[in-house]
PDB file of N, CA and C in Angstrom:
ATOM      1  N   MET A   1     113.250  86.471  11.928  1.00  0.00           N
ATOM      2  CA  MET A   1     113.698  85.255  11.272  1.00  0.00           C
ATOM      3  C   MET A   1     115.067  85.520  10.657  1.00  0.00           C
ATOM      4  N   ARG A   2     115.874  84.529  10.685  1.00  0.00           N
ATOM      5  CA  ARG A   2     117.231  84.650  10.119  1.00  0.00           C
ATOM      6  C   ARG A   2     117.276  84.040   8.726  1.00  0.00           C
ATOM      7  N   ALA A   3     118.209  84.527   7.924  1.00  0.00           N
ATOM      8  CA  ALA A   3     118.369  84.028   6.553  1.00  0.00           C
ATOM      9  C   ALA A   3     118.632  82.524   6.543  1.00  0.00           C
ATOM     10  N   GLU A   4     119.373  82.026   7.518  1.00  0.00           N
ATOM     11  CA  GLU A   4     119.682  80.594   7.578  1.00  0.00           C
ATOM     12  C   GLU A   4     118.424  79.760   7.760  1.00  0.00           C
ATOM     13  N   GLU A   5     117.453  80.288   8.519  1.00  0.00           N
ATOM     14  CA  GLU A   5     116.201  79.568   8.736  1.00  0.00           C
ATOM     15  C   GLU A   5     115.360  79.551   7.460  1.00  0.00           C
ATOM     16  N   VAL A   6     115.326  80.655   6.744  1.00  0.00           N
ATOM     17  CA  VAL A   6     114.615  80.699   5.462  1.00  0.00           C
ATOM     18  C   VAL A   6     115.235  79.682   4.508  1.00  0.00           C
ATOM     19  N   LYS A   7     116.553  79.650   4.442  1.00  0.00           N
ATOM     20  CA  LYS A   7     117.278  78.700   3.591  1.00  0.00           C
ATOM     21  C   LYS A   7     116.908  77.262   3.962  1.00  0.00           C
ATOM     22  N   ARG A   8     116.923  76.968   5.245  1.00  0.00           N
ATOM     23  CA  ARG A   8     116.621  75.613   5.718  1.00  0.00           C
ATOM     24  C   ARG A   8     115.199  75.198   5.336  1.00  0.00           C
ATOM     25  N   LEU A   9     114.243  76.087   5.507  1.00  0.00           N
ATOM     26  CA  LEU A   9     112.852  75.774   5.177  1.00  0.00           C
ATOM     27  C   LEU A   9     112.678  75.503   3.682  1.00  0.00           C
ATOM     28  N   ILE A  10     113.338  76.291   2.845  1.00  0.00           N
ATOM     29  CA  ILE A  10     113.239  76.078   1.398  1.00  0.00           C
ATOM     30  C   ILE A  10     113.884  74.748   1.026  1.00  0.00           C
ATOM     31  N   GLU A  11     115.036  74.457   1.600  1.00  0.00           N
ATOM     32  CA  GLU A  11     115.722  73.190   1.295  1.00  0.00           C
ATOM     33  C   GLU A  11     114.900  71.980   1.729  1.00  0.00           C
ATOM     34  N   ILE A  12     114.221  72.080   2.852  1.00  0.00           N
ATOM     35  CA  ILE A  12     113.361  70.980   3.303  1.00  0.00           C
ATOM     36  C   ILE A  12     112.187  70.806   2.349  1.00  0.00           C
ATOM     37  N   GLY A  13     111.591  71.915   1.921  1.00  0.00           N
ATOM     38  CA  GLY A  13     110.422  71.865   1.046  1.00  0.00           C
ATOM     39  C   GLY A  13     110.737  71.502  -0.386  1.00  0.00           C
ATOM     40  N   LEU A  14     111.977  71.757  -0.805  1.00  0.00           N
ATOM     41  CA  LEU A  14     112.418  71.416  -2.167  1.00  0.00           C
ATOM     42  C   LEU A  14     113.669  70.544  -2.053  1.00  0.00           C
ATOM     43  N   PRO A  15     113.494  69.270  -1.730  1.00  0.00           N
ATOM     44  CA  PRO A  15     114.642  68.388  -1.531  1.00  0.00           C
ATOM     45  C   PRO A  15     115.589  68.406  -2.727  1.00  0.00           C
ATOM     46  N   GLY A  16     116.871  68.448  -2.426  1.00  0.00           N
ATOM     47  CA  GLY A  16     117.895  68.452  -3.467  1.00  0.00           C
ATOM     48  C   GLY A  16     118.183  69.832  -4.032  1.00  0.00           C
ATOM     49  N   SER A  17     117.494  70.836  -3.530  1.00  0.00           N
ATOM     50  CA  SER A  17     117.707  72.192  -4.048  1.00  0.00           C
ATOM     51  C   SER A  17     119.003  72.783  -3.509  1.00  0.00           C
ATOM     52  N   ILE A  18     119.496  73.756  -4.243  1.00  0.00           N
ATOM     53  CA  ILE A  18     120.642  74.551  -3.813  1.00  0.00           C
ATOM     54  C   ILE A  18     120.084  75.941  -3.548  1.00  0.00           C
ATOM     55  N   VAL A  19     120.305  76.449  -2.334  1.00  0.00           N
ATOM     56  CA  VAL A  19     119.658  77.685  -1.915  1.00  0.00           C
ATOM     57  C   VAL A  19     120.677  78.623  -1.283  1.00  0.00           C
ATOM     58  N   GLN A  20     120.609  79.879  -1.685  1.00  0.00           N
ATOM     59  CA  GLN A  20     121.392  80.933  -1.042  1.00  0.00           C
ATOM     60  C   GLN A  20     120.410  82.028  -0.643  1.00  0.00           C
ATOM     61  N   VAL A  21     120.440  82.425   0.621  1.00  0.00           N
ATOM     62  CA  VAL A  21     119.529  83.470   1.112  1.00  0.00           C
ATOM     63  C   VAL A  21     120.340  84.538   1.831  1.00  0.00           C
ATOM     64  N   ASN A  22     120.054  85.781   1.514  1.00  0.00           N
ATOM     65  CA  ASN A  22     120.673  86.920   2.187  1.00  0.00           C
ATOM     66  C   ASN A  22     119.578  87.785   2.780  1.00  0.00           C
ATOM     67  N   GLY A  23     119.901  88.441   3.868  1.00  0.00           N
ATOM     68  CA  GLY A  23     118.973  89.359   4.515  1.00  0.00           C
ATOM     69  C   GLY A  23     119.372  89.545   5.953  1.00  0.00           C
ATOM     70  N   ASP A  24     119.662  90.778   6.320  1.00  0.00           N
ATOM     71  CA  ASP A  24     120.184  91.043   7.661  1.00  0.00           C
ATOM     72  C   ASP A  24     119.157  91.608   8.636  1.00  0.00           C
ATOM     73  N   ASP A  25     118.006  92.067   8.140  1.00  0.00           N
ATOM     74  CA  ASP A  25     117.076  92.737   9.049  1.00  0.00           C
ATOM     75  C   ASP A  25     116.001  91.820   9.618  1.00  0.00           C
ATOM     76  N   GLY A  26     115.976  90.545   9.193  1.00  0.00           N
ATOM     77  CA  GLY A  26     115.033  89.583   9.753  1.00  0.00           C
ATOM     78  C   GLY A  26     113.668  89.541   9.097  1.00  0.00           C
ATOM     79  N   VAL A  27     113.384  90.453   8.155  1.00  0.00           N
ATOM     80  CA  VAL A  27     112.079  90.446   7.490  1.00  0.00           C
ATOM     81  C   VAL A  27     112.147  90.610   5.977  1.00  0.00           C
ATOM     82  N   HIS A  28     113.290  91.081   5.453  1.00  0.00           N
ATOM     83  CA  HIS A  28     113.480  91.257   4.008  1.00  0.00           C
ATOM     84  C   HIS A  28     114.609  90.329   3.563  1.00  0.00           C
ATOM     85  N   PHE A  29     114.323  89.513   2.552  1.00  0.00           N
ATOM     86  CA  PHE A  29     115.308  88.518   2.121  1.00  0.00           C
ATOM     87  C   PHE A  29     115.429  88.488   0.606  1.00  0.00           C
ATOM     88  N   GLU A  30     116.608  88.081   0.144  1.00  0.00           N
ATOM     89  CA  GLU A  30     116.871  87.822  -1.267  1.00  0.00           C
ATOM     90  C   GLU A  30     117.357  86.388  -1.372  1.00  0.00           C
ATOM     91  N   ALA A  31     116.860  85.658  -2.366  1.00  0.00           N
ATOM     92  CA  ALA A  31     117.234  84.247  -2.488  1.00  0.00           C
ATOM     93  C   ALA A  31     117.515  83.876  -3.937  1.00  0.00           C
ATOM     94  N   VAL A  32     118.452  82.966  -4.102  1.00  0.00           N
ATOM     95  CA  VAL A  32     118.697  82.275  -5.368  1.00  0.00           C
ATOM     96  C   VAL A  32     118.421  80.813  -5.077  1.00  0.00           C
ATOM     97  N   ILE A  33     117.537  80.207  -5.869  1.00  0.00           N
ATOM     98  CA  ILE A  33     117.136  78.828  -5.628  1.00  0.00           C
ATOM     99  C   ILE A  33     117.274  78.045  -6.924  1.00  0.00           C
ATOM    100  N   ILE A  34     118.009  76.949  -6.862  1.00  0.00           N
ATOM    101  CA  ILE A  34     118.187  76.066  -8.008  1.00  0.00           C
ATOM    102  C   ILE A  34     117.567  74.730  -7.621  1.00  0.00           C
ATOM    103  N   ALA A  35     116.590  74.275  -8.421  1.00  0.00           N
ATOM    104  CA  ALA A  35     115.904  73.030  -8.054  1.00  0.00           C
ATOM    105  C   ALA A  35     115.377  72.304  -9.281  1.00  0.00           C
ATOM    106  N   ASP A  36     115.482  70.989  -9.265  1.00  0.00           N
ATOM    107  CA  ASP A  36     114.900  70.159 -10.320  1.00  0.00           C
ATOM    108  C   ASP A  36     113.387  70.331 -10.374  1.00  0.00           C
ATOM    109  N   ALA A  37     112.775  70.637  -9.235  1.00  0.00           N
ATOM    110  CA  ALA A  37     111.318  70.783  -9.161  1.00  0.00           C
ATOM    111  C   ALA A  37     110.801  71.904 -10.055  1.00  0.00           C
ATOM    112  N   PHE A  38     111.662  72.824 -10.474  1.00  0.00           N
ATOM    113  CA  PHE A  38     111.253  73.941 -11.327  1.00  0.00           C
ATOM    114  C   PHE A  38     111.172  73.555 -12.799  1.00  0.00           C
ATOM    115  N   ASP A  39     111.699  72.402 -13.158  1.00  0.00           N
ATOM    116  CA  ASP A  39     111.743  71.985 -14.559  1.00  0.00           C
ATOM    117  C   ASP A  39     110.343  71.944 -15.163  1.00  0.00           C
ATOM    118  N   GLY A  40     110.170  72.626 -16.289  1.00  0.00           N
ATOM    119  CA  GLY A  40     108.905  72.628 -17.003  1.00  0.00           C
ATOM    120  C   GLY A  40     107.869  73.593 -16.448  1.00  0.00           C
ATOM    121  N   LYS A  41     108.243  74.355 -15.425  1.00  0.00           N
ATOM    122  CA  LYS A  41     107.308  75.296 -14.812  1.00  0.00           C
ATOM    123  C   LYS A  41     107.719  76.730 -15.137  1.00  0.00           C
ATOM    124  N   GLY A  42     106.743  77.599 -15.277  1.00  0.00           N
ATOM    125  CA  GLY A  42     107.010  79.009 -15.487  1.00  0.00           C
ATOM    126  C   GLY A  42     107.467  79.661 -14.194  1.00  0.00           C
ATOM    127  N   MET A  43     107.914  80.903 -14.309  1.00  0.00           N
ATOM    128  CA  MET A  43     108.447  81.611 -13.154  1.00  0.00           C
ATOM    129  C   MET A  43     107.422  81.731 -12.024  1.00  0.00           C
ATOM    130  N   LEU A  44     106.182  82.047 -12.349  1.00  0.00           N
ATOM    131  CA  LEU A  44     105.157  82.189 -11.314  1.00  0.00           C
ATOM    132  C   LEU A  44     104.952  80.873 -10.569  1.00  0.00           C
ATOM    133  N   ALA A  45     104.882  79.769 -11.289  1.00  0.00           N
ATOM    134  CA  ALA A  45     104.718  78.452 -10.656  1.00  0.00           C
ATOM    135  C   ALA A  45     105.935  78.117  -9.788  1.00  0.00           C
ATOM    136  N   GLN A  46     107.122  78.477 -10.255  1.00  0.00           N
ATOM    137  CA  GLN A  46     108.328  78.245  -9.465  1.00  0.00           C
ATOM    138  C   GLN A  46     108.278  79.032  -8.161  1.00  0.00           C
ATOM    139  N   HIS A  47     107.879  80.283  -8.245  1.00  0.00           N
ATOM    140  CA  HIS A  47     107.805  81.124  -7.047  1.00  0.00           C
ATOM    141  C   HIS A  47     106.742  80.606  -6.078  1.00  0.00           C
ATOM    142  N   ARG A  48     105.646  80.104  -6.616  1.00  0.00           N
ATOM    143  CA  ARG A  48     104.610  79.524  -5.752  1.00  0.00           C
ATOM    144  C   ARG A  48     105.140  78.305  -4.989  1.00  0.00           C
ATOM    145  N   LEU A  49     105.972  77.512  -5.658  1.00  0.00           N
ATOM    146  CA  LEU A  49     106.577  76.365  -4.974  1.00  0.00           C
ATOM    147  C   LEU A  49     107.422  76.830  -3.787  1.00  0.00           C
ATOM    148  N   VAL A  50     108.188  77.893  -3.994  1.00  0.00           N
ATOM    149  CA  VAL A  50     109.025  78.420  -2.918  1.00  0.00           C
ATOM    150  C   VAL A  50     108.149  78.973  -1.797  1.00  0.00           C
ATOM    151  N   TYR A  51     107.144  79.766  -2.141  1.00  0.00           N
ATOM    152  CA  TYR A  51     106.244  80.316  -1.119  1.00  0.00           C
ATOM    153  C   TYR A  51     105.592  79.199  -0.301  1.00  0.00           C
ATOM    154  N   ALA A  52     105.256  78.100  -0.959  1.00  0.00           N
ATOM    155  CA  ALA A  52     104.636  76.969  -0.263  1.00  0.00           C
ATOM    156  C   ALA A  52     105.572  76.384   0.794  1.00  0.00           C
ATOM    157  N   THR A  53     106.885  76.421   0.544  1.00  0.00           N
ATOM    158  CA  THR A  53     107.830  75.887   1.530  1.00  0.00           C
ATOM    159  C   THR A  53     107.877  76.745   2.782  1.00  0.00           C
ATOM    160  N   LEU A  54     107.488  78.003   2.655  1.00  0.00           N
ATOM    161  CA  LEU A  54     107.541  78.933   3.784  1.00  0.00           C
ATOM    162  C   LEU A  54     106.208  79.073   4.500  1.00  0.00           C
ATOM    163  N   GLY A  55     105.141  78.623   3.859  1.00  0.00           N
ATOM    164  CA  GLY A  55     103.819  78.611   4.484  1.00  0.00           C
ATOM    165  C   GLY A  55     103.389  79.961   5.035  1.00  0.00           C
ATOM    166  N   ASP A  56     102.813  79.936   6.221  1.00  0.00           N
ATOM    167  CA  ASP A  56     102.282  81.146   6.855  1.00  0.00           C
ATOM    168  C   ASP A  56     103.359  82.150   7.240  1.00  0.00           C
ATOM    169  N   ARG A  57     104.598  81.712   7.250  1.00  0.00           N
ATOM    170  CA  ARG A  57     105.675  82.645   7.587  1.00  0.00           C
ATOM    171  C   ARG A  57     105.752  83.803   6.592  1.00  0.00           C
ATOM    172  N   MET A  58     105.289  83.554   5.348  1.00  0.00           N
ATOM    173  CA  MET A  58     105.298  84.620   4.342  1.00  0.00           C
ATOM    174  C   MET A  58     104.358  85.754   4.726  1.00  0.00           C
ATOM    175  N   HIS A  59     103.394  85.502   5.536  1.00  0.00           N
ATOM    176  CA  HIS A  59     102.453  86.548   5.934  1.00  0.00           C
ATOM    177  C   HIS A  59     102.758  87.091   7.320  1.00  0.00           C
ATOM    178  N   ALA A  60     103.462  86.310   8.114  1.00  0.00           N
ATOM    179  CA  ALA A  60     103.679  86.699   9.503  1.00  0.00           C
ATOM    180  C   ALA A  60     105.102  87.184   9.771  1.00  0.00           C
ATOM    181  N   GLU A  61     106.087  86.357   9.459  1.00  0.00           N
ATOM    182  CA  GLU A  61     107.465  86.663   9.836  1.00  0.00           C
ATOM    183  C   GLU A  61     108.309  87.261   8.717  1.00  0.00           C
ATOM    184  N   ILE A  62     107.960  86.981   7.478  1.00  0.00           N
ATOM    185  CA  ILE A  62     108.735  87.468   6.328  1.00  0.00           C
ATOM    186  C   ILE A  62     107.929  88.555   5.642  1.00  0.00           C
ATOM    187  N   HIS A  63     108.498  89.738   5.586  1.00  0.00           N
ATOM    188  CA  HIS A  63     107.806  90.853   4.941  1.00  0.00           C
ATOM    189  C   HIS A  63     107.988  90.806   3.416  1.00  0.00           C
ATOM    190  N   ALA A  64     109.200  90.489   2.965  1.00  0.00           N
ATOM    191  CA  ALA A  64     109.466  90.461   1.520  1.00  0.00           C
ATOM    192  C   ALA A  64     110.528  89.414   1.203  1.00  0.00           C
ATOM    193  N   LEU A  65     110.308  88.725   0.095  1.00  0.00           N
ATOM    194  CA  LEU A  65     111.277  87.747  -0.396  1.00  0.00           C
ATOM    195  C   LEU A  65     111.456  87.968  -1.891  1.00  0.00           C
ATOM    196  N   SER A  66     112.606  88.482  -2.249  1.00  0.00           N
ATOM    197  CA  SER A  66     112.969  88.630  -3.655  1.00  0.00           C
ATOM    198  C   SER A  66     113.722  87.365  -4.042  1.00  0.00           C
ATOM    199  N   MET A  67     113.324  86.752  -5.152  1.00  0.00           N
ATOM    200  CA  MET A  67     113.993  85.492  -5.505  1.00  0.00           C
ATOM    201  C   MET A  67     114.260  85.378  -6.990  1.00  0.00           C
ATOM    202  N   ARG A  68     115.320  84.645  -7.273  1.00  0.00           N
ATOM    203  CA  ARG A  68     115.640  84.220  -8.631  1.00  0.00           C
ATOM    204  C   ARG A  68     115.661  82.701  -8.590  1.00  0.00           C
ATOM    205  N   THR A  69     114.856  82.098  -9.456  1.00  0.00           N
ATOM    206  CA  THR A  69     114.731  80.639  -9.466  1.00  0.00           C
ATOM    207  C   THR A  69     115.246  80.087 -10.784  1.00  0.00           C
ATOM    208  N   TYR A  70     115.923  78.950 -10.688  1.00  0.00           N
ATOM    209  CA  TYR A  70     116.517  78.319 -11.865  1.00  0.00           C
ATOM    210  C   TYR A  70     116.406  76.798 -11.774  1.00  0.00           C
ATOM    211  N   THR A  71     116.283  76.164 -12.922  1.00  0.00           N
ATOM    212  CA  THR A  71     116.509  74.724 -12.984  1.00  0.00           C
ATOM    213  C   THR A  71     118.026  74.548 -12.997  1.00  0.00           C
ATOM    214  N   PRO A  72     118.526  73.345 -12.729  1.00  0.00           N
ATOM    215  CA  PRO A  72     119.977  73.150 -12.813  1.00  0.00           C
ATOM    216  C   PRO A  72     120.537  73.501 -14.203  1.00  0.00           C
ATOM    217  N   ALA A  73     119.818  73.186 -15.268  1.00  0.00           N
ATOM    218  CA  ALA A  73     120.296  73.507 -16.627  1.00  0.00           C
ATOM    219  C   ALA A  73     120.339  75.018 -16.845  1.00  0.00           C
ATOM    220  N   GLU A  74     119.321  75.727 -16.368  1.00  0.00           N
ATOM    221  CA  GLU A  74     119.313  77.193 -16.498  1.00  0.00           C
ATOM    222  C   GLU A  74     120.459  77.810 -15.704  1.00  0.00           C
ATOM    223  N   TRP A  75     120.693  77.280 -14.521  1.00  0.00           N
ATOM    224  CA  TRP A  75     121.766  77.798 -13.679  1.00  0.00           C
ATOM    225  C   TRP A  75     123.120  77.594 -14.340  1.00  0.00           C
ATOM    226  N   GLU A  76     123.297  76.459 -14.970  1.00  0.00           N
ATOM    227  CA  GLU A  76     124.567  76.188 -15.662  1.00  0.00           C
ATOM    228  C   GLU A  76     124.795  77.218 -16.770  1.00  0.00           C
ATOM    229  N   LYS A  77     123.747  77.561 -17.511  1.00  0.00           N
ATOM    230  CA  LYS A  77     123.862  78.573 -18.562  1.00  0.00           C
ATOM    231  C   LYS A  77     124.204  79.931 -17.973  1.00  0.00           C
ATOM    232  N   VAL A  78     123.601  80.277 -16.853  1.00  0.00           N
ATOM    233  CA  VAL A  78     123.901  81.547 -16.187  1.00  0.00           C
ATOM    234  C   VAL A  78     125.365  81.569 -15.765  1.00  0.00           C
ATOM    235  N   ARG A  79     125.816  80.502 -15.190  1.00  0.00           N
ATOM    236  CA  ARG A  79     127.219  80.419 -14.748  1.00  0.00           C
ATOM    237  C   ARG A  79     128.166  80.529 -15.930  1.00  0.00           C
ATOM    238  N   GLU A  80     127.832  79.877 -17.039  1.00  0.00           N
ATOM    239  CA  GLU A  80     128.692  79.945 -18.225  1.00  0.00           C
ATOM    240  C   GLU A  80     128.815  81.370 -18.744  1.00  0.00           C
ATOM    241  N   THR A  81     127.732  82.106 -18.761  1.00  0.00           N
ATOM    242  CA  THR A  81     127.770  83.468 -19.297  1.00  0.00           C
ATOM    243  C   THR A  81     128.430  84.452 -18.348  1.00  0.00           C
ATOM    244  N   THR A  82     128.396  84.191 -17.044  1.00  0.00           N
ATOM    245  CA  THR A  82     129.025  85.112 -16.105  1.00  0.00           C
ATOM    246  C   THR A  82     130.506  84.828 -15.911  1.00  0.00           C
ATOM    247  N   VAL A  83     130.941  83.615 -16.206  1.00  0.00           N
ATOM    248  CA  VAL A  83     132.355  83.254 -16.057  1.00  0.00           C
ATOM    249  C   VAL A  83     133.167  83.808 -17.212  1.00  0.00           C
ATOM    250  N   GLN A  84     132.588  83.896 -18.374  1.00  0.00           N
ATOM    251  CA  GLN A  84     133.356  84.326 -19.545  1.00  0.00           C
ATOM    252  C   GLN A  84     133.677  85.759 -19.531  1.00  0.00           C
TER     253      GLN A  84
END
């Protein structure tokens, strides 16, 4: 599986999300996902939402997915602290 396909699947499953996925070996990926759907949810619930977008691929085609999830407000705070 390619990183672009993982990105596409997450974006379809979380409409309006902003997604960046890296991974060159086809089975290990790193992702940053910003989505309104994460608002009011803890990190575990956010990660479950992402896993749900990938379905059975998480057990078959994707060996590992490291992710950082943010609401748009959280992402803005991260950007503010890294720009300064």
